[in-house]
Protein backbone atom coordinates (compact mmCIF):
# COMPACT_ATOMS: atom_id res chain seq x y z
CA UNK A 1 74.16 50.85 -12.39
CA UNK A 2 70.64 50.93 -10.93
CA UNK A 3 67.85 52.47 -12.93
CA UNK A 4 65.55 54.89 -11.22
CA UNK A 5 62.71 52.28 -11.18
CA UNK A 6 64.89 49.61 -9.54
CA UNK A 7 65.95 52.06 -6.87
CA UNK A 8 62.32 52.81 -5.95
CA UNK A 9 61.49 49.06 -5.63
CA UNK A 10 64.53 48.51 -3.40
CA UNK A 11 63.63 51.33 -1.07
CA UNK A 12 59.97 50.13 -0.82
CA UNK A 13 61.04 46.59 0.11
CA UNK A 14 63.40 47.89 2.77
CA UNK A 15 60.65 50.03 4.29
CA UNK A 16 58.21 47.04 4.47
CA UNK A 17 60.87 44.90 6.16
CA UNK A 18 61.55 47.59 8.75
CA UNK A 19 57.77 47.91 9.51
CA UNK A 20 57.34 44.16 9.84
CA UNK A 21 60.24 43.94 12.38
CA UNK A 22 58.83 46.75 14.46
CA UNK A 23 55.12 45.76 14.23
CA UNK A 24 53.54 44.11 17.29
CA UNK A 25 52.84 40.39 16.92
CA UNK A 26 49.12 40.80 17.19
CA UNK A 27 49.15 43.04 14.06
CA UNK A 28 50.51 40.14 11.99
CA UNK A 29 48.46 37.25 13.50
CA UNK A 30 45.01 36.63 12.05
CA UNK A 31 42.12 37.83 14.17
CA UNK A 32 40.59 35.13 16.43
CA UNK A 33 36.99 34.24 15.47
CA UNK A 34 34.32 35.76 17.63
CA UNK A 35 32.89 33.32 20.27
CA UNK A 36 29.64 31.71 19.14
CA UNK A 37 26.75 31.23 21.57
CA UNK A 38 26.13 27.59 22.52
CA UNK A 39 23.29 25.97 20.52
CA UNK A 40 20.67 24.48 22.86
CA UNK A 41 18.76 21.67 21.12
CA UNK A 42 15.25 21.40 22.55
CA UNK A 43 14.21 17.95 23.71
CA UNK A 44 11.17 16.40 22.05
CA UNK A 45 7.91 16.92 23.97
CA UNK A 46 6.12 13.63 24.84
CA UNK A 47 2.81 13.32 26.60
CA UNK A 48 2.06 10.13 28.51
CA UNK A 49 -1.64 9.30 28.77
CA UNK A 50 -2.20 6.78 31.55
CA UNK A 51 -5.21 4.44 31.56
CA UNK A 52 -4.17 1.96 34.24
CA UNK A 53 -3.38 -1.76 33.70
CA UNK A 54 -0.58 -3.85 35.01
CA UNK A 55 2.09 -1.22 34.24
CA UNK A 56 0.36 0.77 37.03
CA UNK A 57 -0.19 -2.30 39.22
CA UNK A 58 1.10 -3.39 42.57
CA UNK A 59 1.55 -6.78 44.18
CA UNK A 60 1.54 -7.79 47.83
CA UNK A 61 5.25 -8.77 47.69
CA UNK A 62 8.18 -8.74 45.27
CA UNK A 63 7.51 -12.34 44.33
CA UNK A 64 4.02 -11.61 43.06
CA UNK A 65 4.45 -11.49 39.30
CA UNK A 66 1.11 -12.96 38.24
CA UNK A 67 -1.18 -12.11 41.15
CA UNK A 68 -1.52 -8.43 41.88
CA UNK A 69 -3.91 -5.49 41.70
CA UNK A 70 -3.86 -3.57 38.42
CA UNK A 71 -4.30 0.18 38.05
CA UNK A 72 -3.05 1.31 41.41
CA UNK A 73 -0.09 3.63 40.67
CA UNK A 74 -0.93 7.16 39.33
CA UNK A 75 0.94 8.50 36.34
CA UNK A 76 2.89 11.13 38.21
CA UNK A 77 4.36 8.49 40.48
CA UNK A 78 5.03 6.21 37.51
CA UNK A 79 7.04 8.90 35.71
CA UNK A 80 8.81 10.08 38.89
CA UNK A 81 10.11 6.55 39.38
CA UNK A 82 11.83 6.61 35.97
CA UNK A 83 14.17 9.64 35.91
CA UNK A 84 15.91 8.25 32.80
CA UNK A 85 12.95 9.56 30.80
CA UNK A 86 14.46 13.08 31.13
CA UNK A 87 17.42 11.98 29.04
CA UNK A 88 15.15 11.22 26.11
CA UNK A 89 12.45 13.88 26.13
CA UNK A 90 10.51 16.42 28.16
CA UNK A 91 7.75 14.23 29.48
CA UNK A 92 4.48 15.12 31.13
CA UNK A 93 1.64 12.83 32.15
CA UNK A 94 -2.18 12.86 32.21
CA UNK A 95 -4.35 10.31 34.04
CA UNK A 96 -7.12 9.59 31.58
CA UNK A 97 -8.51 6.42 33.29
CA UNK A 98 -7.32 4.17 36.07
CA UNK A 99 -8.81 0.75 35.16
CA UNK A 100 -7.83 -2.77 34.23
CA UNK A 101 -8.10 -3.01 30.47
CA UNK A 102 -10.61 -5.91 30.37
CA UNK A 103 -13.08 -3.31 31.63
CA UNK A 104 -12.54 -0.91 28.64
CA UNK A 105 -15.74 0.11 26.91
CA UNK A 106 -16.50 1.74 23.52
CA UNK A 107 -17.11 4.99 25.39
CA UNK A 108 -13.64 4.92 26.87
CA UNK A 109 -12.13 4.11 23.52
CA UNK A 110 -13.81 7.16 22.08
CA UNK A 111 -12.76 9.41 24.94
CA UNK A 112 -9.14 8.24 24.68
CA UNK A 113 -9.12 8.65 20.86
CA UNK A 114 -10.46 12.21 21.07
CA UNK A 115 -7.81 13.16 23.62
CA UNK A 116 -5.02 11.70 21.55
CA UNK A 117 -6.34 13.52 18.49
CA UNK A 118 -6.48 16.86 20.34
CA UNK A 119 -2.91 16.42 21.61
CA UNK A 120 -1.66 15.48 18.15
CA UNK A 121 -2.84 18.81 16.82
CA UNK A 122 -0.73 20.76 19.33
CA UNK A 123 2.52 22.09 17.83
CA UNK A 124 4.39 21.64 21.10
CA UNK A 125 3.65 17.89 21.22
CA UNK A 126 6.02 15.66 19.27
CA UNK A 127 4.80 12.27 20.38
CA UNK A 128 2.17 10.54 22.53
CA UNK A 129 2.50 7.46 24.73
CA UNK A 130 -0.52 5.54 26.14
CA UNK A 131 0.03 3.22 29.09
CA UNK A 132 -2.52 0.44 28.97
CA UNK A 133 -3.43 -2.89 30.43
CA UNK A 134 -2.34 -5.79 28.21
CA UNK A 135 -5.65 -7.67 28.00
CA UNK A 136 -7.20 -5.31 25.41
CA UNK A 137 -4.10 -3.29 24.52
CA UNK A 138 -4.12 -4.65 20.96
CA UNK A 139 -7.74 -3.50 20.42
CA UNK A 140 -7.08 0.06 21.65
CA UNK A 141 -3.92 0.28 19.57
CA UNK A 142 -5.80 -0.84 16.41
CA UNK A 143 -8.68 1.54 17.14
CA UNK A 144 -6.29 4.53 17.41
CA UNK A 145 -4.54 3.32 14.24
CA UNK A 146 -7.89 3.62 12.38
CA UNK A 147 -9.23 6.90 13.63
CA UNK A 148 -6.48 9.37 14.75
CA UNK A 149 -5.42 11.43 11.72
CA UNK A 150 -1.81 12.29 12.44
CA UNK A 151 1.66 11.35 11.37
CA UNK A 152 3.06 12.00 14.77
CA UNK A 153 4.26 9.00 16.71
CA UNK A 154 1.63 7.32 18.91
CA UNK A 155 2.94 4.44 21.06
CA UNK A 156 0.91 2.10 23.27
CA UNK A 157 2.79 0.32 26.04
CA UNK A 158 2.00 -1.97 28.89
CA UNK A 159 3.70 -4.59 31.07
CA UNK A 160 3.15 -8.17 32.00
CA UNK A 161 4.32 -7.75 35.58
CA UNK A 162 3.74 -4.95 38.11
CA UNK A 163 6.44 -2.54 39.19
CA UNK A 164 6.63 -4.17 42.58
CA UNK A 165 7.74 -7.50 41.09
CA UNK A 166 11.39 -8.65 41.11
CA UNK A 167 11.09 -9.23 37.34
CA UNK A 168 9.15 -6.05 36.54
CA UNK A 169 9.17 -5.20 32.83
CA UNK A 170 7.18 -1.93 32.85
CA UNK A 171 10.03 0.54 33.40
CA UNK A 172 12.06 -0.58 30.38
CA UNK A 173 8.91 -0.85 28.25
CA UNK A 174 7.92 2.68 29.12
CA UNK A 175 11.35 4.04 28.49
CA UNK A 176 11.37 2.34 25.12
CA UNK A 177 7.92 3.80 24.37
CA UNK A 178 9.06 7.32 25.09
CA UNK A 179 12.21 6.69 23.10
CA UNK A 180 10.13 5.64 20.06
CA UNK A 181 7.56 8.41 20.49
CA UNK A 182 10.33 11.00 20.63
CA UNK A 183 12.09 9.86 17.52
CA UNK A 184 11.30 11.54 14.18
CA UNK A 185 11.91 8.12 12.58
CA UNK A 186 8.72 6.84 14.11
CA UNK A 187 6.57 9.35 12.27
CA UNK A 188 4.14 8.08 9.68
CA UNK A 189 4.30 4.45 10.71
CA UNK A 190 0.92 4.29 12.41
CA UNK A 191 0.22 3.44 16.01
CA UNK A 192 3.03 1.38 17.53
CA UNK A 193 3.38 -0.93 20.50
CA UNK A 194 6.67 -1.35 22.47
CA UNK A 195 7.00 -4.50 24.52
CA UNK A 196 10.06 -6.66 25.29
CA UNK A 197 12.46 -4.50 23.31
CA UNK A 198 10.32 -4.85 20.12
CA UNK A 199 8.46 -2.27 18.11
CA UNK A 200 5.24 -3.76 16.84
CA UNK A 201 2.53 -2.46 14.56
CA UNK A 202 -0.66 -1.72 16.45
CA UNK A 203 -2.57 -3.31 13.63
CA UNK A 204 -0.74 -6.63 13.62
CA UNK A 205 0.25 -7.19 17.25
CA UNK A 206 -1.64 -9.53 19.58
CA UNK A 207 -1.19 -10.96 23.03
CA UNK A 208 -0.25 -14.59 22.68
CA UNK A 209 0.91 -15.50 26.23
CA UNK A 210 -0.57 -14.51 29.57
CA UNK A 211 2.23 -15.19 32.05
CA UNK A 212 5.45 -14.31 30.20
CA UNK A 213 7.02 -10.95 29.50
CA UNK A 214 7.50 -11.91 25.83
CA UNK A 215 3.70 -11.91 25.46
CA UNK A 216 3.12 -9.75 22.39
CA UNK A 217 3.83 -10.83 18.83
CA UNK A 218 2.77 -10.48 15.24
CA UNK A 219 2.68 -13.28 12.73
CA UNK A 220 4.31 -10.85 10.27
CA UNK A 221 7.14 -9.93 12.66
CA UNK A 222 8.05 -6.74 14.52
CA UNK A 223 8.76 -3.47 12.71
CA UNK A 224 11.95 -2.92 14.68
CA UNK A 225 13.65 -3.05 18.05
CA UNK A 226 14.81 -0.69 20.76
CA UNK A 227 18.30 -1.43 22.12
CA UNK A 228 19.99 0.66 24.73
CA UNK A 229 17.94 3.72 23.93
CA UNK A 230 18.09 3.61 20.16
CA UNK A 231 15.42 2.36 17.77
CA UNK A 232 16.28 0.14 14.83
CA UNK A 233 13.73 -0.28 11.96
CA UNK A 234 13.40 -3.19 9.61
CA UNK A 235 9.98 -2.85 7.92
CA UNK A 236 7.03 -0.50 7.67
CA UNK A 237 3.26 -1.08 7.63
CA UNK A 238 1.48 -1.16 4.23
CA UNK A 239 -2.16 -1.14 5.36
CA UNK A 240 -3.97 2.20 5.55
CA UNK A 241 -3.75 3.94 8.93
CA UNK A 242 -3.80 7.19 10.85
CA UNK A 243 -3.18 10.14 8.50
CA UNK A 244 -4.32 8.17 5.44
CA UNK A 245 -7.45 6.81 7.09
CA UNK A 246 -10.91 7.59 5.84
CA UNK A 247 -12.11 7.52 9.41
CA UNK A 248 -11.74 10.44 11.82
CA UNK A 249 -12.24 10.31 15.58
CA UNK A 250 -13.23 13.95 15.59
CA UNK A 251 -16.39 12.99 13.66
CA UNK A 252 -17.27 9.82 15.64
CA UNK A 253 -19.32 9.99 18.80
CA UNK A 254 -20.73 6.44 18.90
CA UNK A 255 -19.41 3.13 17.64
CA UNK A 256 -21.64 0.67 15.83
CA UNK A 257 -22.78 -2.32 17.94
CA UNK A 258 -20.84 -5.37 16.83
CA UNK A 259 -20.53 -8.68 18.66
CA UNK A 260 -18.41 -11.81 18.32
CA UNK A 261 -19.75 -15.41 18.28
CA UNK A 262 -17.23 -18.21 18.78
CA UNK A 263 -17.15 -21.34 16.74
CA UNK A 264 -16.42 -24.76 18.34
CA UNK A 265 -17.44 -28.38 18.24
CA UNK A 266 -21.15 -28.97 18.92
CA UNK A 267 -21.86 -25.21 18.73
CA UNK A 268 -25.59 -24.46 18.59
CA UNK A 269 -27.26 -21.90 16.37
CA UNK A 270 -29.04 -20.34 19.39
CA UNK A 271 -26.06 -18.21 20.23
CA UNK A 272 -26.10 -16.52 16.76
CA UNK A 273 -29.88 -16.04 17.11
CA UNK A 274 -29.59 -14.51 20.54
CA UNK A 275 -26.90 -11.99 19.37
CA UNK A 276 -28.96 -11.19 16.33
CA UNK A 277 -31.89 -10.20 18.55
CA UNK A 278 -29.61 -7.70 20.46
CA UNK A 279 -29.71 -5.10 17.69
CA UNK A 280 -26.20 -5.53 16.29
CA UNK A 281 -25.09 -4.03 12.97
CA UNK A 282 -22.54 -6.73 12.40
CA UNK A 283 -21.66 -10.16 13.79
CA UNK A 284 -18.10 -11.45 13.79
CA UNK A 285 -18.05 -15.22 13.51
CA UNK A 286 -14.81 -16.52 15.03
CA UNK A 287 -14.80 -19.76 13.12
CA UNK A 288 -12.52 -22.77 13.27
CA UNK A 289 -9.70 -23.21 10.80
CA UNK A 290 -10.20 -21.00 7.73
CA UNK A 291 -13.15 -19.27 9.33
CA UNK A 292 -15.31 -22.38 9.02
CA UNK A 293 -18.97 -22.30 10.04
CA UNK A 294 -20.86 -25.31 11.35
CA UNK A 295 -23.64 -26.50 9.00
CA UNK A 296 -26.34 -25.88 11.62
CA UNK A 297 -25.08 -22.26 12.14
CA UNK A 298 -25.03 -21.31 8.43
CA UNK A 299 -28.85 -20.82 8.21
CA UNK A 300 -28.89 -18.59 11.31
CA UNK A 301 -26.16 -16.34 9.78
CA UNK A 302 -28.06 -16.26 6.46
CA UNK A 303 -31.16 -15.12 8.28
CA UNK A 304 -29.20 -12.37 10.02
CA UNK A 305 -27.85 -11.14 6.73
CA UNK A 306 -31.34 -11.03 5.25
CA UNK A 307 -32.28 -8.72 8.08
CA UNK A 308 -29.44 -6.27 7.18
CA UNK A 309 -26.85 -7.44 9.70
CA UNK A 310 -23.35 -7.70 8.26
CA UNK A 311 -21.74 -11.13 8.68
CA UNK A 312 -17.91 -11.22 8.96
CA UNK A 313 -16.07 -14.49 8.89
CA UNK A 314 -12.93 -14.45 11.05
CA UNK A 315 -10.96 -17.32 12.64
CA UNK A 316 -10.09 -18.31 16.12
CA UNK A 317 -6.71 -19.58 14.80
CA UNK A 318 -3.89 -17.29 15.76
CA UNK A 319 -2.02 -17.13 12.44
CA UNK A 320 -2.95 -17.16 8.79
CA UNK A 321 -5.88 -15.41 7.15
CA UNK A 322 -9.38 -16.23 6.00
CA UNK A 323 -9.75 -16.85 2.28
CA UNK A 324 -12.85 -15.52 0.63
CA UNK A 325 -15.14 -18.19 -0.88
CA UNK A 326 -12.92 -20.98 0.37
CA UNK A 327 -14.89 -22.55 3.25
CA UNK A 328 -18.17 -20.79 2.54
CA UNK A 329 -19.62 -19.20 -0.59
CA UNK A 330 -19.19 -15.64 0.68
CA UNK A 331 -20.24 -14.12 -2.63
CA UNK A 332 -23.48 -16.11 -2.66
CA UNK A 333 -24.29 -15.36 0.95
CA UNK A 334 -23.15 -11.72 0.77
CA UNK A 335 -20.74 -12.20 3.67
CA UNK A 336 -17.47 -10.47 4.42
CA UNK A 337 -14.15 -12.08 5.38
CA UNK A 338 -11.85 -10.53 7.98
CA UNK A 339 -8.63 -11.31 6.10
CA UNK A 340 -5.79 -11.59 8.67
CA UNK A 341 -7.57 -9.71 11.48
CA UNK A 342 -8.37 -11.71 14.57
CA UNK A 343 -11.98 -11.61 15.85
CA UNK A 344 -11.40 -8.83 18.39
CA UNK A 345 -9.72 -6.58 15.81
CA UNK A 346 -12.32 -7.46 13.23
CA UNK A 347 -14.92 -6.18 15.74
CA UNK A 348 -13.06 -2.90 16.13
CA UNK A 349 -12.86 -2.34 12.38
CA UNK A 350 -16.50 -3.21 11.80
CA UNK A 351 -17.63 -0.95 14.72
CA UNK A 352 -15.70 1.97 13.18
CA UNK A 353 -16.65 1.31 9.57
CA UNK A 354 -20.31 0.91 10.35
CA UNK A 355 -20.62 4.32 11.88
CA UNK A 356 -21.64 5.23 8.35
CA UNK A 357 -23.76 3.12 5.92
CA UNK A 358 -21.73 0.45 4.13
CA UNK A 359 -22.66 -2.16 1.61
CA UNK A 360 -21.09 -5.60 2.09
CA UNK A 361 -18.85 -4.81 -0.88
CA UNK A 362 -17.61 -1.59 0.68
CA UNK A 363 -17.16 -3.30 4.02
CA UNK A 364 -15.07 -6.00 2.30
CA UNK A 365 -12.95 -3.28 0.65
CA UNK A 366 -12.34 -1.79 4.05
CA UNK A 367 -11.26 -5.14 5.48
CA UNK A 368 -8.80 -5.58 2.61
CA UNK A 369 -7.30 -2.12 3.00
CA UNK A 370 -7.09 -1.73 6.78
């Protein structure tokens, strides 16, 4: 016999079953989640500063890969001819100069550096690309590496053949440059150079060949590569640069006068003496081997140093580095060694460093660190 409590439970269960059978299906099914608005990811904003060079050059025919006129194609046309850039970033261009890079001057370096610095401060700019002739590309890249205080990617790019050539390399180099400049992985690595699928440090890279597309290299190797629109990194720079630099383009209006004198067999001392009379603050001696100096030139360099001109021993040899006190008694003569910087980059560093007073000891410290 059922108790009163059991009877109540039985009647409640029967009532629920009857409701469940009669209820519409939508009352039993879980409510569908509300539709979410599509998330639109903004593309990185990259500014291309054009300065001319072969990447903006044009030849008389498609077979002209080494004979052509540089600095002919304006930046808007250069970008319009590469619609693939739009898949990587929102890109806009500015024509800063339109010259062959062998004609670059200190004044143009300063103007370019100040424009890069101004753009880097804009919150709507994620990366900057500079198109440049290859003859002095390495010097501009190193200069920017020293003086632009930013962690945003700065990429310098050029080409060995004009866009009119059958074997033109500029389009892919430029696409790679924008790819690297648009990538957050590129931040904080200093000024970079993209050529022939490689990502090079602007400090280390140099032009080693004048008629091949694989013209740029570093004795320490590339930092990474760009393959099919993706960058792959293998190492990072250890020398001071950009955001960690003690130099600031916003505070520099004139570079110090610095010249290079080349060492060779039968070299006279008269070249050093002539350069010394030109009012330089430093002389880079591009010596043979380990920065060697001919015996007849040593007294001329000593005389310059006694007059307050800084003497920096570099080497005309492509690889290796100059050892202090090895070929010459640098401590005794109060000279500086360029370490692994080639003569043209040693000139850039000295010209930047000597915008303020420096002892030879301080200048040597700068050459070790940068």
